[in-house]
Amino acid sequence: MGQYHYLINLDKKQVVHPHQIGNGFKLHEQIGWKYSTATALVMLLASTSKDGGRGGGDFRSGHPFIGAWAGDRIAFVGDYGVADDLRDVDAALIYRQCHAACCLDKRGKKPAGWKQWTNISPHVRKMMAAEFGIRYWGEGWVDIVEEQGGESRPKLCPDLFITAGGRPNQPLK
């Protein structure tokens, strides 16, 4: 299965649910492609782009969430987390609280403190859409649709592939 991770802001008590911004839940599924959770994190931390950027290559949309996390304590917390993964806070409890804040709990029992956390995934979708001209489709694990009409997903990263020459793990030329 693997470990599932939320992106969190410890100071603002905000959480980003990867599925709700078109990403997988494992850390490796949240990096290395254009609309990844890692991209959202960079945007949330980009203090110099808060008001539309100051130079070439800055974020230009002026969305109010760009730079909103600059200077805050940020972490990825996972469902395999233990109490002392983060300094001065219980990472395992925070994961459960964030999960309760983002998802319906069919068991009806939610951990204490879950209402302290705000799921900002809808705002992150709007921020990414404003900056990159993409749309999100669906509910739960949403799909990202680029302006050109095609779906955007990260490319698969298989552990092994064989080329026409028959040598494993060699890129195609």
Foldseek 3Di string as FASTA:
>chain_A
DAKFKWKAFPVQQEIEQQLLQQFDGHPVRQDDDDSHVVVLVQQQQQLQCCQQHDDPPHQGLNQNSGNVRHPTDIDIAICVAAQVPDPPGGSNLSVQLCCVQVDPDPVPDGDPPSVSHHYCNVSSNVSCCSRQVWHWDDPRRIWIAHPVGHTDGDDDDDPWDADPVGDIPDDDD
